[in-house]
Amino acid sequence: MEIKLAKSYGFCFGVKRAIKIAEELKDASTIGPLIHNNEEINRLKNDFNVATTKDFKEFQANPTKKAVIRTHGIEKQDLEVLKEMDVEIVNATCPYVTNPQNIVKNMSEEGYQIVIFGDEKHPEVKGVKSYSTSEAIVVANVEELQQKHIKRKVAIVSQTTKKVSEFEKVVCYLLNHAKEVRVFNTICNATFENQDAVRELSSEADIMIIIGGKNSSNTKELYNISKLSCHDSYHIENESELQAKWFDGKKLCGISAGASTPDWIIEKIISKIKEICV
């Protein structure tokens, strides 16, 4: 059986930057998971003593402990609490996430109603929403938007890992229901590239393995796209989840990975697939 990697996959710029920051700091705590990949979080904890916390009291007990802001960012009010505690803050927020935070702040101050396309429970979206000076609307699709009151002036941003085709549908609805719409395409370039690559590969593969954290939004999107063209698509975090029966009679196995998936996990999974298919 042939194994073929997508043309674009794995670690994005923002994740690489955050991992490097965490490794160089050592003995620090991230506010929430640094990235959405449990395997990599455990590696940072074991090899570099980088812990994960939601309890700010930890920094009061240990004033020398550095507080690392995760790639998804944190809510504005939490950042202000940390600053008041006089904690040393290291900001590992992805610049592609900082961008919509600034847009939401500026547009809301100018009187625009803020619409955020994304998952309301996702930490990135919670953080972006917190920068609005007025009540912001978060919607996952057009159907949810139809239930909202749309004002005359609207500014819309997107969660960085969403599908552009779905973002376009929400934008089109706004264009037909508001007098002025400011559109900011804040979907990350790496998201575009990874999604296009998995779309292409899944159209020729007879099995697809999508690697990434089960809580990773961008990995879920890759899996959903893959499933459209390749019925036998599987989303896994590590090699222990692989099942031999998946590969029976398969000729081409396509592999892609989310933006928070390191190469060492991908390599272990490829090695396991080769063992299974010997």
C-alpha atoms as a PDB file:
ATOM      1  CA  MET A   1       0.000   0.000   0.000  1.00  0.00           C
ATOM      2  CA  GLU A   2       1.232   3.463  -0.872  1.00  0.00           C
ATOM      3  CA  ILE A   3       1.326   6.192   1.787  1.00  0.00           C
ATOM      4  CA  LYS A   4       1.047   9.778   0.588  1.00  0.00           C
ATOM      5  CA  LEU A   5       1.260  12.973   2.633  1.00  0.00           C
ATOM      6  CA  ALA A   6      -0.840  16.026   1.799  1.00  0.00           C
ATOM      7  CA  LYS A   7       1.051  18.848   0.090  1.00  0.00           C
ATOM      8  CA  SER A   8       0.462  21.049   3.136  1.00  0.00           C
ATOM      9  CA  TYR A   9      -0.099  19.785   6.690  1.00  0.00           C
ATOM     10  CA  GLY A  10       0.944  20.037  10.328  1.00  0.00           C
ATOM     11  CA  PHE A  11       2.504  22.820  12.376  1.00  0.00           C
ATOM     12  CA  CYS A  12       1.602  26.343  11.296  1.00  0.00           C
ATOM     13  CA  PHE A  13       3.672  29.465  11.944  1.00  0.00           C
ATOM     14  CA  GLY A  14       1.779  30.417  15.103  1.00  0.00           C
ATOM     15  CA  VAL A  15       2.157  26.983  16.689  1.00  0.00           C
ATOM     16  CA  LYS A  16       5.871  26.730  15.816  1.00  0.00           C
ATOM     17  CA  ARG A  17       6.394  30.148  17.395  1.00  0.00           C
ATOM     18  CA  ALA A  18       4.512  29.187  20.577  1.00  0.00           C
ATOM     19  CA  ILE A  19       6.351  25.873  20.980  1.00  0.00           C
ATOM     20  CA  LYS A  20       9.701  27.616  20.596  1.00  0.00           C
ATOM     21  CA  ILE A  21       8.739  30.215  23.201  1.00  0.00           C
ATOM     22  CA  ALA A  22       7.677  27.504  25.676  1.00  0.00           C
ATOM     23  CA  GLU A  23      10.822  25.419  25.157  1.00  0.00           C
ATOM     24  CA  GLU A  24      13.112  28.405  25.679  1.00  0.00           C
ATOM     25  CA  LEU A  25      11.327  29.591  28.828  1.00  0.00           C
ATOM     26  CA  LYS A  26      11.092  26.297  30.695  1.00  0.00           C
ATOM     27  CA  ASP A  27       9.516  26.195  34.165  1.00  0.00           C
ATOM     28  CA  ALA A  28       6.506  28.270  33.071  1.00  0.00           C
ATOM     29  CA  SER A  29       2.728  27.870  33.066  1.00  0.00           C
ATOM     30  CA  THR A  30       0.432  28.439  30.126  1.00  0.00           C
ATOM     31  CA  ILE A  31      -3.011  29.935  30.671  1.00  0.00           C
ATOM     32  CA  GLY A  32      -5.034  27.029  29.313  1.00  0.00           C
ATOM     33  CA  PRO A  33      -3.491  24.519  26.863  1.00  0.00           C
ATOM     34  CA  LEU A  34      -0.778  26.190  24.769  1.00  0.00           C
ATOM     35  CA  ILE A  35      -2.065  24.352  21.683  1.00  0.00           C
ATOM     36  CA  HIS A  36      -4.819  21.788  21.068  1.00  0.00           C
ATOM     37  CA  ASN A  37      -2.667  18.665  21.089  1.00  0.00           C
ATOM     38  CA  ASN A  38      -2.466  16.616  24.274  1.00  0.00           C
ATOM     39  CA  GLU A  39       0.576  14.631  23.129  1.00  0.00           C
ATOM     40  CA  GLU A  40       2.636  17.773  22.560  1.00  0.00           C
ATOM     41  CA  ILE A  41       1.378  19.353  25.789  1.00  0.00           C
ATOM     42  CA  ASN A  42       2.617  16.292  27.684  1.00  0.00           C
ATOM     43  CA  ARG A  43       6.013  16.489  25.936  1.00  0.00           C
ATOM     44  CA  LEU A  44       6.418  20.131  26.977  1.00  0.00           C
ATOM     45  CA  LYS A  45       5.471  19.244  30.544  1.00  0.00           C
ATOM     46  CA  ASN A  46       7.830  16.258  30.781  1.00  0.00           C
ATOM     47  CA  ASP A  47      10.821  17.694  28.899  1.00  0.00           C
ATOM     48  CA  PHE A  48      10.615  21.414  29.686  1.00  0.00           C
ATOM     49  CA  ASN A  49       8.498  21.627  32.867  1.00  0.00           C
ATOM     50  CA  VAL A  50       5.891  23.753  31.081  1.00  0.00           C
ATOM     51  CA  ALA A  51       2.633  23.261  32.965  1.00  0.00           C
ATOM     52  CA  THR A  52      -0.954  24.160  32.083  1.00  0.00           C
ATOM     53  CA  THR A  53      -3.127  26.101  34.501  1.00  0.00           C
ATOM     54  CA  LYS A  54      -6.399  28.017  34.731  1.00  0.00           C
ATOM     55  CA  ASP A  55      -5.830  29.028  38.347  1.00  0.00           C
ATOM     56  CA  PHE A  56      -4.185  32.440  38.626  1.00  0.00           C
ATOM     57  CA  LYS A  57      -3.479  31.759  42.324  1.00  0.00           C
ATOM     58  CA  GLU A  58      -0.551  29.648  41.146  1.00  0.00           C
ATOM     59  CA  PHE A  59       1.277  32.841  40.201  1.00  0.00           C
ATOM     60  CA  GLN A  60       0.578  34.433  43.576  1.00  0.00           C
ATOM     61  CA  ALA A  61       2.115  31.399  45.277  1.00  0.00           C
ATOM     62  CA  ASN A  62       5.131  31.487  42.970  1.00  0.00           C
ATOM     63  CA  PRO A  63       5.829  35.091  41.854  1.00  0.00           C
ATOM     64  CA  THR A  64       8.806  34.056  39.694  1.00  0.00           C
ATOM     65  CA  LYS A  65       6.636  31.765  37.573  1.00  0.00           C
ATOM     66  CA  LYS A  66       6.073  33.107  34.059  1.00  0.00           C
ATOM     67  CA  ALA A  67       2.550  33.219  32.608  1.00  0.00           C
ATOM     68  CA  VAL A  68       2.447  32.189  28.954  1.00  0.00           C
ATOM     69  CA  ILE A  69      -0.545  33.286  26.900  1.00  0.00           C
ATOM     70  CA  ARG A  70      -1.551  30.369  24.656  1.00  0.00           C
ATOM     71  CA  THR A  71      -1.742  30.496  20.854  1.00  0.00           C
ATOM     72  CA  HIS A  72      -5.520  31.020  20.958  1.00  0.00           C
ATOM     73  CA  GLY A  73      -5.180  34.047  23.233  1.00  0.00           C
ATOM     74  CA  ILE A  74      -7.163  34.664  26.414  1.00  0.00           C
ATOM     75  CA  GLU A  75     -10.033  36.921  27.335  1.00  0.00           C
ATOM     76  CA  LYS A  76      -9.179  40.586  27.804  1.00  0.00           C
ATOM     77  CA  GLN A  77     -10.363  40.648  31.420  1.00  0.00           C
ATOM     78  CA  ASP A  78      -8.113  37.689  32.304  1.00  0.00           C
ATOM     79  CA  LEU A  79      -5.136  39.464  30.786  1.00  0.00           C
ATOM     80  CA  GLU A  80      -5.914  42.529  32.881  1.00  0.00           C
ATOM     81  CA  VAL A  81      -6.049  40.395  36.050  1.00  0.00           C
ATOM     82  CA  LEU A  82      -2.603  38.998  35.292  1.00  0.00           C
ATOM     83  CA  LYS A  83      -1.224  42.490  34.740  1.00  0.00           C
ATOM     84  CA  GLU A  84      -2.656  43.658  38.072  1.00  0.00           C
ATOM     85  CA  MET A  85      -0.920  40.720  39.780  1.00  0.00           C
ATOM     86  CA  ASP A  86       2.388  41.984  38.409  1.00  0.00           C
ATOM     87  CA  VAL A  87       3.086  38.600  36.842  1.00  0.00           C
ATOM     88  CA  GLU A  88       5.700  38.320  34.096  1.00  0.00           C
ATOM     89  CA  ILE A  89       3.613  37.708  30.984  1.00  0.00           C
ATOM     90  CA  VAL A  90       4.955  36.084  27.826  1.00  0.00           C
ATOM     91  CA  ASN A  91       2.519  36.424  24.953  1.00  0.00           C
ATOM     92  CA  ALA A  92       2.522  33.396  22.644  1.00  0.00           C
ATOM     93  CA  THR A  93      -0.777  34.358  21.024  1.00  0.00           C
ATOM     94  CA  CYS A  94      -0.638  33.671  17.292  1.00  0.00           C
ATOM     95  CA  PRO A  95      -0.431  36.973  15.350  1.00  0.00           C
ATOM     96  CA  TYR A  96      -3.292  35.702  13.168  1.00  0.00           C
ATOM     97  CA  VAL A  97      -5.414  35.619  16.339  1.00  0.00           C
ATOM     98  CA  THR A  98      -4.236  39.002  17.596  1.00  0.00           C
ATOM     99  CA  ASN A  99      -5.419  40.518  14.300  1.00  0.00           C
ATOM    100  CA  PRO A 100      -9.168  39.837  14.798  1.00  0.00           C
ATOM    101  CA  GLN A 101      -8.848  40.929  18.438  1.00  0.00           C
ATOM    102  CA  ASN A 102      -7.641  44.349  17.262  1.00  0.00           C
ATOM    103  CA  ILE A 103     -10.247  44.544  14.493  1.00  0.00           C
ATOM    104  CA  VAL A 104     -13.095  43.803  16.896  1.00  0.00           C
ATOM    105  CA  LYS A 105     -11.829  46.412  19.350  1.00  0.00           C
ATOM    106  CA  ASN A 106     -11.466  49.123  16.702  1.00  0.00           C
ATOM    107  CA  MET A 107     -14.692  48.406  14.788  1.00  0.00           C
ATOM    108  CA  SER A 108     -16.816  48.231  17.954  1.00  0.00           C
ATOM    109  CA  GLU A 109     -15.358  51.563  19.100  1.00  0.00           C
ATOM    110  CA  GLU A 110     -16.443  53.016  15.737  1.00  0.00           C
ATOM    111  CA  GLY A 111     -20.021  51.891  16.348  1.00  0.00           C
ATOM    112  CA  TYR A 112     -20.173  48.740  14.234  1.00  0.00           C
ATOM    113  CA  GLN A 113     -22.127  45.727  15.401  1.00  0.00           C
ATOM    114  CA  ILE A 114     -19.617  42.871  15.685  1.00  0.00           C
ATOM    115  CA  VAL A 115     -20.357  39.477  14.149  1.00  0.00           C
ATOM    116  CA  ILE A 116     -17.892  36.650  14.747  1.00  0.00           C
ATOM    117  CA  PHE A 117     -18.133  33.529  12.607  1.00  0.00           C
ATOM    118  CA  GLY A 118     -16.969  30.611  14.717  1.00  0.00           C
ATOM    119  CA  ASP A 119     -17.538  28.322  17.669  1.00  0.00           C
ATOM    120  CA  GLU A 120     -18.718  30.347  20.674  1.00  0.00           C
ATOM    121  CA  LYS A 121     -17.103  27.870  23.100  1.00  0.00           C
ATOM    122  CA  HIS A 122     -13.689  27.945  21.425  1.00  0.00           C
ATOM    123  CA  PRO A 123     -11.027  29.842  23.443  1.00  0.00           C
ATOM    124  CA  GLU A 124      -9.947  31.865  20.414  1.00  0.00           C
ATOM    125  CA  VAL A 125     -13.495  33.103  19.834  1.00  0.00           C
ATOM    126  CA  LYS A 126     -14.014  33.853  23.530  1.00  0.00           C
ATOM    127  CA  GLY A 127     -10.847  35.937  23.477  1.00  0.00           C
ATOM    128  CA  VAL A 128     -11.752  37.830  20.304  1.00  0.00           C
ATOM    129  CA  LYS A 129     -15.282  38.508  21.560  1.00  0.00           C
ATOM    130  CA  SER A 130     -13.955  39.987  24.813  1.00  0.00           C
ATOM    131  CA  TYR A 131     -12.318  42.845  22.886  1.00  0.00           C
ATOM    132  CA  SER A 132     -15.640  44.208  21.670  1.00  0.00           C
ATOM    133  CA  THR A 133     -16.818  47.335  23.498  1.00  0.00           C
ATOM    134  CA  SER A 134     -20.445  46.382  22.759  1.00  0.00           C
ATOM    135  CA  GLU A 135     -22.292  43.064  22.703  1.00  0.00           C
ATOM    136  CA  ALA A 136     -20.906  40.882  19.910  1.00  0.00           C
ATOM    137  CA  ILE A 137     -22.778  38.153  18.024  1.00  0.00           C
ATOM    138  CA  VAL A 138     -21.134  34.743  17.548  1.00  0.00           C
ATOM    139  CA  VAL A 139     -22.625  32.426  14.918  1.00  0.00           C
ATOM    140  CA  ALA A 140     -21.560  29.056  13.533  1.00  0.00           C
ATOM    141  CA  ASN A 141     -23.715  29.242  10.391  1.00  0.00           C
ATOM    142  CA  VAL A 142     -26.322  31.256   8.493  1.00  0.00           C
ATOM    143  CA  GLU A 143     -29.189  29.556  10.329  1.00  0.00           C
ATOM    144  CA  GLU A 144     -27.952  30.926  13.643  1.00  0.00           C
ATOM    145  CA  LEU A 145     -27.471  34.383  12.128  1.00  0.00           C
ATOM    146  CA  GLN A 146     -31.078  34.408  10.919  1.00  0.00           C
ATOM    147  CA  GLN A 147     -32.187  34.339  14.556  1.00  0.00           C
ATOM    148  CA  LYS A 148     -30.226  37.516  15.375  1.00  0.00           C
ATOM    149  CA  HIS A 149     -31.146  41.176  15.038  1.00  0.00           C
ATOM    150  CA  ILE A 150     -28.837  42.743  12.455  1.00  0.00           C
ATOM    151  CA  LYS A 151     -28.075  46.450  12.774  1.00  0.00           C
ATOM    152  CA  ARG A 152     -27.360  48.926   9.972  1.00  0.00           C
ATOM    153  CA  LYS A 153     -23.569  48.886  10.375  1.00  0.00           C
ATOM    154  CA  VAL A 154     -21.867  45.510  10.771  1.00  0.00           C
ATOM    155  CA  ALA A 155     -18.263  44.323  10.917  1.00  0.00           C
ATOM    156  CA  ILE A 156     -17.543  40.603  10.597  1.00  0.00           C
ATOM    157  CA  VAL A 157     -14.459  38.526  11.395  1.00  0.00           C
ATOM    158  CA  SER A 158     -13.902  34.782  11.378  1.00  0.00           C
ATOM    159  CA  GLN A 159     -12.303  32.255  13.685  1.00  0.00           C
ATOM    160  CA  THR A 160      -8.943  31.625  12.036  1.00  0.00           C
ATOM    161  CA  THR A 161      -9.522  27.908  11.385  1.00  0.00           C
ATOM    162  CA  LYS A 162     -12.965  27.932   9.743  1.00  0.00           C
ATOM    163  CA  LYS A 163     -13.936  26.942   6.191  1.00  0.00           C
ATOM    164  CA  VAL A 164     -13.945  29.907   3.820  1.00  0.00           C
ATOM    165  CA  SER A 165     -16.984  28.574   1.937  1.00  0.00           C
ATOM    166  CA  GLU A 166     -19.084  28.741   5.123  1.00  0.00           C
ATOM    167  CA  PHE A 167     -17.710  32.189   5.953  1.00  0.00           C
ATOM    168  CA  GLU A 168     -18.819  33.392   2.510  1.00  0.00           C
ATOM    169  CA  LYS A 169     -22.401  32.242   3.184  1.00  0.00           C
ATOM    170  CA  VAL A 170     -22.556  34.263   6.402  1.00  0.00           C
ATOM    171  CA  VAL A 171     -21.073  37.313   4.657  1.00  0.00           C
ATOM    172  CA  CYS A 172     -23.623  37.077   1.813  1.00  0.00           C
ATOM    173  CA  TYR A 173     -26.477  37.010   4.322  1.00  0.00           C
ATOM    174  CA  LEU A 174     -25.157  40.140   6.004  1.00  0.00           C
ATOM    175  CA  LEU A 175     -24.793  41.942   2.684  1.00  0.00           C
ATOM    176  CA  ASN A 176     -28.509  41.418   2.110  1.00  0.00           C
ATOM    177  CA  HIS A 177     -29.591  42.505   5.585  1.00  0.00           C
ATOM    178  CA  ALA A 178     -27.369  45.444   6.557  1.00  0.00           C
ATOM    179  CA  LYS A 179     -26.719  48.833   4.974  1.00  0.00           C
ATOM    180  CA  GLU A 180     -22.964  48.752   5.592  1.00  0.00           C
ATOM    181  CA  VAL A 181     -20.848  45.620   6.024  1.00  0.00           C
ATOM    182  CA  ARG A 182     -17.128  45.630   6.774  1.00  0.00           C
ATOM    183  CA  VAL A 183     -15.690  42.187   5.967  1.00  0.00           C
ATOM    184  CA  PHE A 184     -12.367  41.078   7.447  1.00  0.00           C
ATOM    185  CA  ASN A 185     -11.183  37.708   6.207  1.00  0.00           C
ATOM    186  CA  THR A 186      -9.250  36.573   9.273  1.00  0.00           C
ATOM    187  CA  ILE A 187      -9.000  32.906   8.271  1.00  0.00           C
ATOM    188  CA  CYS A 188      -5.335  31.884   8.479  1.00  0.00           C
ATOM    189  CA  ASN A 189      -3.387  31.228   5.250  1.00  0.00           C
ATOM    190  CA  ALA A 190      -2.149  27.923   6.659  1.00  0.00           C
ATOM    191  CA  THR A 191      -5.790  26.895   7.132  1.00  0.00           C
ATOM    192  CA  PHE A 192      -6.484  27.615   3.444  1.00  0.00           C
ATOM    193  CA  GLU A 193      -3.462  25.626   2.324  1.00  0.00           C
ATOM    194  CA  ASN A 194      -4.094  22.617   4.577  1.00  0.00           C
ATOM    195  CA  GLN A 195      -7.767  22.457   3.606  1.00  0.00           C
ATOM    196  CA  ASP A 196      -7.026  22.692  -0.124  1.00  0.00           C
ATOM    197  CA  ALA A 197      -4.355  19.995   0.201  1.00  0.00           C
ATOM    198  CA  VAL A 198      -6.605  17.555   2.074  1.00  0.00           C
ATOM    199  CA  ARG A 199      -9.411  18.194  -0.415  1.00  0.00           C
ATOM    200  CA  GLU A 200      -7.085  17.262  -3.285  1.00  0.00           C
ATOM    201  CA  LEU A 201      -5.569  14.193  -1.619  1.00  0.00           C
ATOM    202  CA  SER A 202      -8.860  12.767  -0.336  1.00  0.00           C
ATOM    203  CA  SER A 203     -10.221  12.749  -3.880  1.00  0.00           C
ATOM    204  CA  GLU A 204      -7.631  10.144  -4.912  1.00  0.00           C
ATOM    205  CA  ALA A 205      -7.014   8.162  -1.706  1.00  0.00           C
ATOM    206  CA  ASP A 206      -9.153   5.205  -0.618  1.00  0.00           C
ATOM    207  CA  ILE A 207      -8.316   5.786   3.066  1.00  0.00           C
ATOM    208  CA  MET A 208      -7.418   9.034   4.816  1.00  0.00           C
ATOM    209  CA  ILE A 209      -5.784   9.408   8.236  1.00  0.00           C
ATOM    210  CA  ILE A 210      -6.231  12.880   9.733  1.00  0.00           C
ATOM    211  CA  ILE A 211      -3.927  13.438  12.711  1.00  0.00           C
ATOM    212  CA  GLY A 212      -4.542  15.956  15.471  1.00  0.00           C
ATOM    213  CA  GLY A 213      -6.089  16.697  18.839  1.00  0.00           C
ATOM    214  CA  LYS A 214      -9.724  15.706  19.268  1.00  0.00           C
ATOM    215  CA  ASN A 215     -10.337  19.237  20.594  1.00  0.00           C
ATOM    216  CA  SER A 216      -8.583  20.875  17.627  1.00  0.00           C
ATOM    217  CA  SER A 217     -10.991  22.932  15.525  1.00  0.00           C
ATOM    218  CA  ASN A 218      -8.788  23.026  12.422  1.00  0.00           C
ATOM    219  CA  THR A 219      -8.199  19.245  12.558  1.00  0.00           C
ATOM    220  CA  LYS A 220     -11.949  18.641  12.741  1.00  0.00           C
ATOM    221  CA  GLU A 221     -12.378  20.799   9.641  1.00  0.00           C
ATOM    222  CA  LEU A 222      -9.739  18.757   7.793  1.00  0.00           C
ATOM    223  CA  TYR A 223     -11.544  15.566   8.755  1.00  0.00           C
ATOM    224  CA  ASN A 224     -14.925  16.933   7.603  1.00  0.00           C
ATOM    225  CA  ILE A 225     -13.461  17.980   4.247  1.00  0.00           C
ATOM    226  CA  SER A 226     -11.728  14.617   3.818  1.00  0.00           C
ATOM    227  CA  LYS A 227     -14.925  12.712   4.607  1.00  0.00           C
ATOM    228  CA  LEU A 228     -16.719  14.417   1.719  1.00  0.00           C
ATOM    229  CA  SER A 229     -14.487  12.707  -0.860  1.00  0.00           C
ATOM    230  CA  CYS A 230     -13.161   9.696   1.034  1.00  0.00           C
ATOM    231  CA  HIS A 231     -15.687   7.747   3.103  1.00  0.00           C
ATOM    232  CA  ASP A 232     -12.948   5.863   4.957  1.00  0.00           C
ATOM    233  CA  SER A 233     -11.498   8.891   6.718  1.00  0.00           C
ATOM    234  CA  TYR A 234     -10.352   8.659  10.338  1.00  0.00           C
ATOM    235  CA  HIS A 235      -9.390  11.342  12.870  1.00  0.00           C
ATOM    236  CA  ILE A 236      -6.807  10.082  15.376  1.00  0.00           C
ATOM    237  CA  GLU A 237      -4.457  11.612  17.960  1.00  0.00           C
ATOM    238  CA  ASN A 238      -1.798   8.888  18.112  1.00  0.00           C
ATOM    239  CA  GLU A 239      -0.739   5.521  16.692  1.00  0.00           C
ATOM    240  CA  SER A 240      -2.567   3.502  19.361  1.00  0.00           C
ATOM    241  CA  GLU A 241      -5.898   4.387  17.722  1.00  0.00           C
ATOM    242  CA  LEU A 242      -5.009   2.771  14.380  1.00  0.00           C
ATOM    243  CA  GLN A 243      -6.937  -0.394  13.520  1.00  0.00           C
ATOM    244  CA  ALA A 244      -5.562  -2.978  11.081  1.00  0.00           C
ATOM    245  CA  LYS A 245      -8.985  -3.647   9.546  1.00  0.00           C
ATOM    246  CA  TRP A 246      -9.127  -0.079   8.226  1.00  0.00           C
ATOM    247  CA  PHE A 247      -6.389  -0.893   5.716  1.00  0.00           C
ATOM    248  CA  ASP A 248      -7.787  -4.149   4.314  1.00  0.00           C
ATOM    249  CA  GLY A 249      -7.818  -3.934   0.514  1.00  0.00           C
ATOM    250  CA  LYS A 250      -6.619  -0.312   0.463  1.00  0.00           C
ATOM    251  CA  LYS A 251      -4.108   0.852  -2.139  1.00  0.00           C
ATOM    252  CA  LEU A 252      -3.481   4.517  -1.278  1.00  0.00           C
ATOM    253  CA  CYS A 253      -3.442   5.923   2.254  1.00  0.00           C
ATOM    254  CA  GLY A 254      -3.513   9.708   2.414  1.00  0.00           C
ATOM    255  CA  ILE A 255      -2.259  11.502   5.509  1.00  0.00           C
ATOM    256  CA  SER A 256      -2.845  15.028   6.740  1.00  0.00           C
ATOM    257  CA  ALA A 257      -2.472  16.691  10.115  1.00  0.00           C
ATOM    258  CA  GLY A 258      -3.841  19.676  11.980  1.00  0.00           C
ATOM    259  CA  ALA A 259      -1.874  22.842  12.656  1.00  0.00           C
ATOM    260  CA  SER A 260      -1.071  21.722  16.215  1.00  0.00           C
ATOM    261  CA  THR A 261       0.336  18.325  15.227  1.00  0.00           C
ATOM    262  CA  PRO A 262       4.142  17.946  15.493  1.00  0.00           C
ATOM    263  CA  ASP A 263       6.197  15.909  13.031  1.00  0.00           C
ATOM    264  CA  TRP A 264       7.212  13.360  15.657  1.00  0.00           C
ATOM    265  CA  ILE A 265       3.598  12.228  16.089  1.00  0.00           C
ATOM    266  CA  ILE A 266       3.075  12.025  12.325  1.00  0.00           C
ATOM    267  CA  GLU A 267       6.252   9.941  11.924  1.00  0.00           C
ATOM    268  CA  LYS A 268       5.170   7.488  14.647  1.00  0.00           C
ATOM    269  CA  ILE A 269       1.804   7.005  12.962  1.00  0.00           C
ATOM    270  CA  ILE A 270       3.375   6.432   9.543  1.00  0.00           C
ATOM    271  CA  SER A 271       5.733   3.848  11.037  1.00  0.00           C
ATOM    272  CA  LYS A 272       2.785   2.063  12.679  1.00  0.00           C
ATOM    273  CA  ILE A 273       0.827   2.024   9.401  1.00  0.00           C
ATOM    274  CA  LYS A 274       3.825   0.481   7.646  1.00  0.00           C
ATOM    275  CA  GLU A 275       3.980  -2.243  10.350  1.00  0.00           C
ATOM    276  CA  ILE A 276       0.296  -2.986   9.940  1.00  0.00           C
ATOM    277  CA  CYS A 277       0.507  -3.202   6.165  1.00  0.00           C
ATOM    278  CA  VAL A 278       3.608  -5.421   5.896  1.00  0.00           C
END
